[in-house]
C-alpha atoms as a PDB file:
ATOM      1  CA  MET A   1      87.440 109.127  71.221  1.00  0.00           C
ATOM      2  CA  SER A   2      85.158 111.676  72.542  1.00  0.00           C
ATOM      3  CA  ILE A   3      85.276 112.686  76.261  1.00  0.00           C
ATOM      4  CA  ASN A   4      83.515 115.379  78.369  1.00  0.00           C
ATOM      5  CA  PRO A   5      85.800 117.942  79.592  1.00  0.00           C
ATOM      6  CA  LEU A   6      86.218 118.809  83.208  1.00  0.00           C
ATOM      7  CA  PRO A   7      84.094 121.832  84.285  1.00  0.00           C
ATOM      8  CA  LEU A   8      86.359 125.126  84.493  1.00  0.00           C
ATOM      9  CA  ILE A   9      85.351 125.624  88.129  1.00  0.00           C
ATOM     10  CA  MET A  10      86.994 122.273  89.008  1.00  0.00           C
ATOM     11  CA  ILE A  11      90.262 122.859  86.999  1.00  0.00           C
ATOM     12  CA  GLU A  12      90.855 126.561  87.600  1.00  0.00           C
ATOM     13  CA  PRO A  13      91.835 126.454  91.280  1.00  0.00           C
ATOM     14  CA  LEU A  14      94.253 123.663  90.535  1.00  0.00           C
ATOM     15  CA  VAL A  15      96.098 125.259  87.675  1.00  0.00           C
ATOM     16  CA  ARG A  16      96.026 128.769  89.508  1.00  0.00           C
ATOM     17  CA  ALA A  17      97.508 127.012  92.540  1.00  0.00           C
ATOM     18  CA  THR A  18     100.372 125.319  90.356  1.00  0.00           C
ATOM     19  CA  LEU A  19     101.243 128.592  88.610  1.00  0.00           C
ATOM     20  CA  LEU A  20     101.441 130.426  91.884  1.00  0.00           C
ATOM     21  CA  GLU A  21     103.680 127.573  93.269  1.00  0.00           C
ATOM     22  CA  ASP A  22     106.062 128.531  90.298  1.00  0.00           C
ATOM     23  CA  LEU A  23     105.792 132.196  90.370  1.00  0.00           C
ATOM     24  CA  GLY A  24     106.603 132.350  94.109  1.00  0.00           C
ATOM     25  CA  ARG A  25     107.071 135.995  95.509  1.00  0.00           C
ATOM     26  CA  ALA A  26     108.859 137.652  92.556  1.00  0.00           C
ATOM     27  CA  GLY A  27     107.597 136.044  89.337  1.00  0.00           C
ATOM     28  CA  ASP A  28     109.632 134.904  86.503  1.00  0.00           C
ATOM     29  CA  LEU A  29     112.824 136.644  87.088  1.00  0.00           C
ATOM     30  CA  THR A  30     114.517 134.899  84.204  1.00  0.00           C
ATOM     31  CA  THR A  31     111.972 135.705  81.415  1.00  0.00           C
ATOM     32  CA  ASP A  32     111.162 139.222  82.731  1.00  0.00           C
ATOM     33  CA  ALA A  33     114.963 140.072  82.657  1.00  0.00           C
ATOM     34  CA  VAL A  34     115.733 138.493  79.222  1.00  0.00           C
ATOM     35  CA  VAL A  35     112.708 138.715  77.190  1.00  0.00           C
ATOM     36  CA  PRO A  36     111.359 142.238  75.969  1.00  0.00           C
ATOM     37  CA  ALA A  37     107.826 142.793  77.185  1.00  0.00           C
ATOM     38  CA  ASP A  38     106.435 143.476  73.572  1.00  0.00           C
ATOM     39  CA  ALA A  39     108.105 140.397  72.136  1.00  0.00           C
ATOM     40  CA  LEU A  40     105.670 137.990  70.306  1.00  0.00           C
ATOM     41  CA  THR A  41     106.376 134.275  69.462  1.00  0.00           C
ATOM     42  CA  GLU A  42     104.760 130.965  68.364  1.00  0.00           C
ATOM     43  CA  ALA A  43     105.510 127.566  69.882  1.00  0.00           C
ATOM     44  CA  ARG A  44     104.223 124.078  68.960  1.00  0.00           C
ATOM     45  CA  LEU A  45     103.529 121.306  71.514  1.00  0.00           C
ATOM     46  CA  VAL A  46     104.836 118.321  69.837  1.00  0.00           C
ATOM     47  CA  ALA A  47     104.517 114.520  70.848  1.00  0.00           C
ATOM     48  CA  ARG A  48     107.920 112.801  71.317  1.00  0.00           C
ATOM     49  CA  GLN A  49     106.426 109.445  71.961  1.00  0.00           C
ATOM     50  CA  GLU A  50     103.530 107.405  70.861  1.00  0.00           C
ATOM     51  CA  GLY A  51     100.338 107.633  73.270  1.00  0.00           C
ATOM     52  CA  VAL A  52      97.263 109.430  74.027  1.00  0.00           C
ATOM     53  CA  VAL A  53      96.654 112.994  74.742  1.00  0.00           C
ATOM     54  CA  ALA A  54      95.057 114.131  78.004  1.00  0.00           C
ATOM     55  CA  GLY A  55      95.146 117.504  79.652  1.00  0.00           C
ATOM     56  CA  ILE A  56      94.498 120.112  76.772  1.00  0.00           C
ATOM     57  CA  ASP A  57      92.022 122.197  78.982  1.00  0.00           C
ATOM     58  CA  LEU A  58      94.531 122.640  81.717  1.00  0.00           C
ATOM     59  CA  VAL A  59      97.258 123.638  79.110  1.00  0.00           C
ATOM     60  CA  ARG A  60      94.763 126.187  77.568  1.00  0.00           C
ATOM     61  CA  LEU A  61      94.065 127.571  81.167  1.00  0.00           C
ATOM     62  CA  ALA A  62      97.452 127.715  82.286  1.00  0.00           C
ATOM     63  CA  PHE A  63      98.615 130.086  79.308  1.00  0.00           C
ATOM     64  CA  ARG A  64      95.264 132.066  79.706  1.00  0.00           C
ATOM     65  CA  LEU A  65      95.698 132.602  83.468  1.00  0.00           C
ATOM     66  CA  ILE A  66      99.199 134.424  82.786  1.00  0.00           C
ATOM     67  CA  ASP A  67      98.173 136.350  79.834  1.00  0.00           C
ATOM     68  CA  GLU A  68      94.732 136.350  78.160  1.00  0.00           C
ATOM     69  CA  LYS A  69      96.273 137.370  74.824  1.00  0.00           C
ATOM     70  CA  ILE A  70      98.053 133.987  74.428  1.00  0.00           C
ATOM     71  CA  ALA A  71      96.065 131.890  71.811  1.00  0.00           C
ATOM     72  CA  VAL A  72      95.995 128.045  71.978  1.00  0.00           C
ATOM     73  CA  GLU A  73      95.236 126.332  68.792  1.00  0.00           C
ATOM     74  CA  VAL A  74      94.407 122.636  69.491  1.00  0.00           C
ATOM     75  CA  ALA A  75      95.416 120.071  66.763  1.00  0.00           C
ATOM     76  CA  ARG A  76      94.837 116.916  68.918  1.00  0.00           C
ATOM     77  CA  VAL A  77      91.990 116.686  71.506  1.00  0.00           C
ATOM     78  CA  ASP A  78      92.042 114.692  74.600  1.00  0.00           C
ATOM     79  CA  GLY A  79      91.527 110.904  73.925  1.00  0.00           C
ATOM     80  CA  THR A  80      93.450 111.254  70.556  1.00  0.00           C
ATOM     81  CA  GLN A  81      96.339 108.980  69.722  1.00  0.00           C
ATOM     82  CA  VAL A  82      99.649 110.548  68.835  1.00  0.00           C
ATOM     83  CA  ALA A  83     102.872 109.501  67.377  1.00  0.00           C
ATOM     84  CA  PRO A  84     106.212 110.913  67.564  1.00  0.00           C
ATOM     85  CA  GLY A  85     106.353 114.319  65.698  1.00  0.00           C
ATOM     86  CA  ASP A  86     102.610 114.870  65.902  1.00  0.00           C
ATOM     87  CA  LEU A  87     101.513 118.259  66.507  1.00  0.00           C
ATOM     88  CA  ILE A  88      99.129 118.639  69.675  1.00  0.00           C
ATOM     89  CA  ALA A  89      98.607 122.444  69.839  1.00  0.00           C
ATOM     90  CA  THR A  90     100.092 125.633  68.560  1.00  0.00           C
ATOM     91  CA  ILE A  91     100.641 128.464  71.191  1.00  0.00           C
ATOM     92  CA  SER A  92     101.002 132.027  70.085  1.00  0.00           C
ATOM     93  CA  GLY A  93     101.145 135.508  71.627  1.00  0.00           C
ATOM     94  CA  PRO A  94     103.165 137.279  74.201  1.00  0.00           C
ATOM     95  CA  ALA A  95     106.602 135.588  74.430  1.00  0.00           C
ATOM     96  CA  ARG A  96     106.919 136.244  78.186  1.00  0.00           C
ATOM     97  CA  GLY A  97     103.544 134.776  78.967  1.00  0.00           C
ATOM     98  CA  ILE A  98     104.269 131.667  76.970  1.00  0.00           C
ATOM     99  CA  LEU A  99     107.566 131.072  78.712  1.00  0.00           C
ATOM    100  CA  THR A 100     106.166 131.614  82.207  1.00  0.00           C
ATOM    101  CA  ALA A 101     103.314 129.100  81.945  1.00  0.00           C
ATOM    102  CA  GLU A 102     105.281 126.564  79.676  1.00  0.00           C
ATOM    103  CA  ARG A 103     106.386 124.339  82.636  1.00  0.00           C
ATOM    104  CA  THR A 104     102.946 124.220  84.505  1.00  0.00           C
ATOM    105  CA  ALA A 105     101.257 123.492  81.121  1.00  0.00           C
ATOM    106  CA  LEU A 106     103.788 120.799  80.318  1.00  0.00           C
ATOM    107  CA  ASN A 107     103.677 119.237  83.704  1.00  0.00           C
ATOM    108  CA  PHE A 108      99.979 118.686  83.427  1.00  0.00           C
ATOM    109  CA  LEU A 109      99.989 117.479  79.774  1.00  0.00           C
ATOM    110  CA  CYS A 110     102.664 115.027  80.114  1.00  0.00           C
ATOM    111  CA  ARG A 111     101.421 113.581  83.502  1.00  0.00           C
ATOM    112  CA  LEU A 112      97.965 113.146  82.301  1.00  0.00           C
ATOM    113  CA  SER A 113      98.798 112.051  78.739  1.00  0.00           C
ATOM    114  CA  GLY A 114     100.988 109.413  80.461  1.00  0.00           C
ATOM    115  CA  ILE A 115      98.137 108.022  82.468  1.00  0.00           C
ATOM    116  CA  ALA A 116      95.906 108.111  79.463  1.00  0.00           C
ATOM    117  CA  SER A 117      98.489 106.325  77.366  1.00  0.00           C
ATOM    118  CA  ALA A 118      99.068 103.553  80.047  1.00  0.00           C
ATOM    119  CA  THR A 119      95.313 103.024  80.424  1.00  0.00           C
ATOM    120  CA  SER A 120      94.931 102.783  76.711  1.00  0.00           C
ATOM    121  CA  ALA A 121      97.505 100.110  76.512  1.00  0.00           C
ATOM    122  CA  ILE A 122      95.852  97.901  79.158  1.00  0.00           C
ATOM    123  CA  VAL A 123      92.292  98.490  77.651  1.00  0.00           C
ATOM    124  CA  ALA A 124      93.734  97.395  74.266  1.00  0.00           C
ATOM    125  CA  SER A 125      95.152  94.216  76.028  1.00  0.00           C
ATOM    126  CA  VAL A 126      91.671  93.044  77.220  1.00  0.00           C
ATOM    127  CA  ALA A 127      89.891  93.843  73.923  1.00  0.00           C
ATOM    128  CA  GLY A 128      87.325  91.089  73.072  1.00  0.00           C
ATOM    129  CA  HIS A 129      86.434  90.387  76.793  1.00  0.00           C
ATOM    130  CA  LYS A 130      83.739  92.290  78.751  1.00  0.00           C
ATOM    131  CA  ALA A 131      86.112  93.341  81.458  1.00  0.00           C
ATOM    132  CA  GLN A 132      86.463  97.122  81.946  1.00  0.00           C
ATOM    133  CA  ILE A 133      89.668  98.656  83.077  1.00  0.00           C
ATOM    134  CA  VAL A 134      89.227 100.935  86.323  1.00  0.00           C
ATOM    135  CA  CYS A 135      91.547 103.042  88.325  1.00  0.00           C
ATOM    136  CA  THR A 136      91.607 103.393  92.206  1.00  0.00           C
ATOM    137  CA  ARG A 137      92.064 105.898  94.978  1.00  0.00           C
ATOM    138  CA  LYS A 138      95.832 105.497  94.536  1.00  0.00           C
ATOM    139  CA  THR A 139      96.153 108.946  93.171  1.00  0.00           C
ATOM    140  CA  THR A 140      98.578 112.034  93.570  1.00  0.00           C
ATOM    141  CA  PRO A 141      97.167 114.277  96.581  1.00  0.00           C
ATOM    142  CA  GLY A 142      95.249 117.031  95.048  1.00  0.00           C
ATOM    143  CA  LEU A 143      95.218 115.720  91.463  1.00  0.00           C
ATOM    144  CA  ARG A 144      92.567 112.727  91.730  1.00  0.00           C
ATOM    145  CA  ALA A 145      89.951 114.644  89.606  1.00  0.00           C
ATOM    146  CA  VAL A 146      92.284 115.264  86.731  1.00  0.00           C
ATOM    147  CA  GLU A 147      94.205 111.901  87.061  1.00  0.00           C
ATOM    148  CA  LYS A 148      90.812 109.993  86.848  1.00  0.00           C
ATOM    149  CA  TYR A 149      89.765 112.184  83.867  1.00  0.00           C
ATOM    150  CA  ALA A 150      93.066 111.019  82.182  1.00  0.00           C
ATOM    151  CA  VAL A 151      92.034 107.431  82.764  1.00  0.00           C
ATOM    152  CA  ARG A 152      88.644 108.107  80.987  1.00  0.00           C
ATOM    153  CA  ALA A 153      90.525 109.799  78.265  1.00  0.00           C
ATOM    154  CA  GLY A 154      92.670 106.480  77.762  1.00  0.00           C
ATOM    155  CA  GLY A 155      89.374 104.509  77.539  1.00  0.00           C
ATOM    156  CA  GLY A 156      89.136 103.337  81.007  1.00  0.00           C
ATOM    157  CA  ALA A 157      86.617 104.029  83.734  1.00  0.00           C
ATOM    158  CA  ASN A 158      86.726 105.321  87.203  1.00  0.00           C
ATOM    159  CA  HIS A 159      86.175 103.384  90.424  1.00  0.00           C
ATOM    160  CA  ARG A 160      84.841 105.480  93.499  1.00  0.00           C
ATOM    161  CA  PHE A 161      86.289 109.087  93.683  1.00  0.00           C
ATOM    162  CA  GLY A 162      86.522 109.109  97.485  1.00  0.00           C
ATOM    163  CA  LEU A 163      85.379 107.377 100.685  1.00  0.00           C
ATOM    164  CA  ASP A 164      82.021 108.833 100.398  1.00  0.00           C
ATOM    165  CA  ASP A 165      81.068 107.405  97.052  1.00  0.00           C
ATOM    166  CA  ALA A 166      80.219 103.804  98.119  1.00  0.00           C
ATOM    167  CA  VAL A 167      81.038 101.249 100.837  1.00  0.00           C
ATOM    168  CA  LEU A 168      84.065  99.148 100.134  1.00  0.00           C
ATOM    169  CA  ILE A 169      84.743  96.751 103.064  1.00  0.00           C
ATOM    170  CA  LYS A 170      88.309  95.446 102.916  1.00  0.00           C
ATOM    171  CA  ASP A 171      90.192  92.921 105.020  1.00  0.00           C
ATOM    172  CA  ASN A 172      91.204  95.463 107.699  1.00  0.00           C
ATOM    173  CA  HIS A 173      87.524  96.361 108.297  1.00  0.00           C
ATOM    174  CA  ILE A 174      86.436  92.751 108.462  1.00  0.00           C
ATOM    175  CA  ALA A 175      89.232  91.987 110.939  1.00  0.00           C
ATOM    176  CA  ILE A 176      88.205  94.891 113.347  1.00  0.00           C
ATOM    177  CA  ALA A 177      84.509  94.296 112.744  1.00  0.00           C
ATOM    178  CA  GLY A 178      84.840  90.606 113.857  1.00  0.00           C
ATOM    179  CA  GLY A 179      84.071  88.902 110.465  1.00  0.00           C
ATOM    180  CA  ILE A 180      82.102  89.286 107.236  1.00  0.00           C
ATOM    181  CA  ARG A 181      78.678  89.029 108.896  1.00  0.00           C
ATOM    182  CA  PRO A 182      79.023  91.755 111.434  1.00  0.00           C
ATOM    183  CA  ALA A 183      80.687  94.044 108.907  1.00  0.00           C
ATOM    184  CA  LEU A 184      78.059  93.610 106.276  1.00  0.00           C
ATOM    185  CA  GLU A 185      75.146  93.870 108.662  1.00  0.00           C
ATOM    186  CA  ARG A 186      76.682  97.203 110.152  1.00  0.00           C
ATOM    187  CA  ALA A 187      77.266  98.690 106.589  1.00  0.00           C
ATOM    188  CA  LYS A 188      73.722  97.722 105.626  1.00  0.00           C
ATOM    189  CA  ALA A 189      72.117  99.475 108.721  1.00  0.00           C
ATOM    190  CA  HIS A 190      74.238 102.543 108.432  1.00  0.00           C
ATOM    191  CA  VAL A 191      73.986 103.509 104.694  1.00  0.00           C
ATOM    192  CA  GLY A 192      71.206 104.638 102.654  1.00  0.00           C
ATOM    193  CA  HIS A 193      69.154 102.723 100.015  1.00  0.00           C
ATOM    194  CA  LEU A 194      71.208 104.379  96.967  1.00  0.00           C
ATOM    195  CA  VAL A 195      74.600 103.441  98.449  1.00  0.00           C
ATOM    196  CA  LYS A 196      76.250 100.360  96.900  1.00  0.00           C
ATOM    197  CA  ILE A 197      78.329  97.739  99.239  1.00  0.00           C
ATOM    198  CA  GLU A 198      81.251  96.058  97.902  1.00  0.00           C
ATOM    199  CA  LEU A 199      83.278  93.303  99.835  1.00  0.00           C
ATOM    200  CA  GLU A 200      86.844  92.358  99.465  1.00  0.00           C
ATOM    201  CA  VAL A 201      87.379  88.603  99.546  1.00  0.00           C
ATOM    202  CA  ASP A 202      90.572  86.644  99.257  1.00  0.00           C
ATOM    203  CA  THR A 203      88.960  82.942  99.345  1.00  0.00           C
ATOM    204  CA  LEU A 204      86.227  81.215  97.782  1.00  0.00           C
ATOM    205  CA  ASP A 205      84.786  80.571 101.376  1.00  0.00           C
ATOM    206  CA  GLN A 206      84.646  84.221 101.954  1.00  0.00           C
ATOM    207  CA  LEU A 207      83.071  84.744  98.640  1.00  0.00           C
ATOM    208  CA  ALA A 208      80.351  81.968  99.503  1.00  0.00           C
ATOM    209  CA  GLU A 209      79.544  83.916 102.715  1.00  0.00           C
ATOM    210  CA  ALA A 210      79.327  87.220 101.085  1.00  0.00           C
ATOM    211  CA  LEU A 211      76.923  85.958  98.507  1.00  0.00           C
ATOM    212  CA  GLU A 212      74.735  84.330 101.197  1.00  0.00           C
ATOM    213  CA  LEU A 213      74.396  87.703 102.909  1.00  0.00           C
ATOM    214  CA  GLY A 214      74.026  89.736  99.810  1.00  0.00           C
ATOM    215  CA  VAL A 215      76.425  92.397  98.418  1.00  0.00           C
ATOM    216  CA  ASP A 216      76.308  94.645  95.336  1.00  0.00           C
ATOM    217  CA  ALA A 217      79.946  93.919  94.280  1.00  0.00           C
ATOM    218  CA  VAL A 218      82.929  91.638  95.261  1.00  0.00           C
ATOM    219  CA  LEU A 219      86.410  92.660  94.951  1.00  0.00           C
ATOM    220  CA  LEU A 220      88.357  89.453  94.139  1.00  0.00           C
ATOM    221  CA  ASP A 221      91.744  90.175  95.459  1.00  0.00           C
ATOM    222  CA  ASN A 222      95.062  88.587  94.378  1.00  0.00           C
ATOM    223  CA  MET A 223      93.349  85.515  93.117  1.00  0.00           C
ATOM    224  CA  ASP A 224      95.100  83.440  90.345  1.00  0.00           C
ATOM    225  CA  PRO A 225      93.229  82.923  87.068  1.00  0.00           C
ATOM    226  CA  ALA A 226      91.785  79.642  87.823  1.00  0.00           C
ATOM    227  CA  MET A 227      90.372  80.805  91.163  1.00  0.00           C
ATOM    228  CA  LEU A 228      88.998  83.882  89.657  1.00  0.00           C
ATOM    229  CA  THR A 229      87.258  81.751  87.023  1.00  0.00           C
ATOM    230  CA  ARG A 230      85.704  79.623  89.746  1.00  0.00           C
ATOM    231  CA  ALA A 231      84.730  82.746  91.748  1.00  0.00           C
ATOM    232  CA  VAL A 232      82.969  84.285  88.579  1.00  0.00           C
ATOM    233  CA  ALA A 233      80.951  81.007  88.160  1.00  0.00           C
ATOM    234  CA  MET A 234      79.985  81.018  91.873  1.00  0.00           C
ATOM    235  CA  VAL A 235      78.769  84.675  91.786  1.00  0.00           C
ATOM    236  CA  ASP A 236      76.774  83.821  88.545  1.00  0.00           C
ATOM    237  CA  GLY A 237      75.658  87.415  88.062  1.00  0.00           C
ATOM    238  CA  ARG A 238      74.454  88.101  91.350  1.00  0.00           C
ATOM    239  CA  ALA A 239      76.949  90.920  92.141  1.00  0.00           C
ATOM    240  CA  ILE A 240      79.487  92.874  90.054  1.00  0.00           C
ATOM    241  CA  THR A 241      82.876  91.082  90.134  1.00  0.00           C
ATOM    242  CA  GLU A 242      86.253  93.116  90.305  1.00  0.00           C
ATOM    243  CA  ALA A 243      89.602  91.495  90.125  1.00  0.00           C
ATOM    244  CA  SER A 244      92.801  93.361  91.352  1.00  0.00           C
ATOM    245  CA  GLY A 245      96.429  92.579  92.004  1.00  0.00           C
ATOM    246  CA  ARG A 246      99.411  92.098  89.752  1.00  0.00           C
ATOM    247  CA  VAL A 247      97.578  93.623  86.723  1.00  0.00           C
ATOM    248  CA  ASN A 248      99.693  94.779  83.756  1.00  0.00           C
ATOM    249  CA  PRO A 249      99.196  94.499  79.867  1.00  0.00           C
ATOM    250  CA  THR A 250     100.635  91.023  80.061  1.00  0.00           C
ATOM    251  CA  THR A 251      98.505  89.550  82.712  1.00  0.00           C
ATOM    252  CA  ALA A 252      95.340  91.634  82.028  1.00  0.00           C
ATOM    253  CA  PRO A 253      94.091  89.292  79.097  1.00  0.00           C
ATOM    254  CA  THR A 254      94.240  86.196  81.257  1.00  0.00           C
ATOM    255  CA  ILE A 255      92.475  88.029  84.152  1.00  0.00           C
ATOM    256  CA  ALA A 256      89.778  89.210  81.644  1.00  0.00           C
ATOM    257  CA  ALA A 257      89.150  85.785  80.316  1.00  0.00           C
ATOM    258  CA  SER A 258      88.065  84.772  83.588  1.00  0.00           C
ATOM    259  CA  GLY A 259      84.833  86.752  82.921  1.00  0.00           C
ATOM    260  CA  VAL A 260      85.161  89.440  85.644  1.00  0.00           C
ATOM    261  CA  ASP A 261      83.242  92.581  85.115  1.00  0.00           C
ATOM    262  CA  LEU A 262      86.063  95.015  86.143  1.00  0.00           C
ATOM    263  CA  ILE A 263      89.922  94.894  86.542  1.00  0.00           C
ATOM    264  CA  SER A 264      91.184  97.550  88.917  1.00  0.00           C
ATOM    265  CA  VAL A 265      94.670  98.858  88.279  1.00  0.00           C
ATOM    266  CA  GLY A 266      96.144 101.290  91.050  1.00  0.00           C
ATOM    267  CA  TRP A 267      99.469 101.909  89.146  1.00  0.00           C
ATOM    268  CA  LEU A 268      97.804 103.895  86.365  1.00  0.00           C
ATOM    269  CA  THR A 269      97.383 106.919  88.534  1.00  0.00           C
ATOM    270  CA  HIS A 270     100.381 106.340  91.107  1.00  0.00           C
ATOM    271  CA  SER A 271     103.150 105.033  88.755  1.00  0.00           C
ATOM    272  CA  ALA A 272     102.347 105.639  85.116  1.00  0.00           C
ATOM    273  CA  PRO A 273     105.353 107.139  83.307  1.00  0.00           C
ATOM    274  CA  ILE A 274     104.855 110.614  81.721  1.00  0.00           C
ATOM    275  CA  LEU A 275     104.342 110.865  77.853  1.00  0.00           C
ATOM    276  CA  ASP A 276     107.322 112.917  76.487  1.00  0.00           C
ATOM    277  CA  ILE A 277     105.946 116.144  75.036  1.00  0.00           C
ATOM    278  CA  GLY A 278     107.978 119.168  74.125  1.00  0.00           C
ATOM    279  CA  LEU A 279     107.300 122.794  73.508  1.00  0.00           C
ATOM    280  CA  ASP A 280     109.172 123.589  70.487  1.00  0.00           C
ATOM    281  CA  PHE A 281     109.635 127.386  69.381  1.00  0.00           C
END
């Protein structure tokens, strides 16, 4: 699949900060002591598990920031399915720079490819239904932009990026505001006409009240499949429907069968296992 890359200005500070964290105050003591300054080498990024690649641009940047003479030849672009043994990229140039940037490059590539792979599995499980798999704000601090990018590389879509994207009124907001009506009325009075409002509901009675008052989307939280199906029928196209809670590749097809528009999955970005990828010399 084709996916638009993140702009360099967004990822450069992140990759630079990660390299600086590794280099500390004295640089790569081991490599500088052991490897001759003029040594050249070639290494291969190779998949050790089946999955989906994400994070190649961060890999390329990690090596370039350490030494501009390092070349990265990409064999599998982001969004590509890989099997164990598949070549992802070839890295060639000064050996010191390749060894110094290796861990930063692999940390990004393995983490983001793990998210893309987990996303791809759930997307595949709901094939044939209209439901779209979306991520949440449950991201690693500082890595939200690239983790949400990885979700897109895996065939999913993004929910809001931050608190300033849209209004999402959840149960705690409703409790403090004094109910659904005052919460919605205050939200509509506060935001501009281009800002969408979504409301979390746990019961069909709450859903009925939300539909009466008017919302752009409803978050149907932790509803069983039967209740989800009834909720989608009640909405009848008047709002976007989003299901959340207990979503995995096994439960997702039943949730999708209810007819919801979106299925949000928090663990894609907070708990997805890495994809095992090695840098072989």
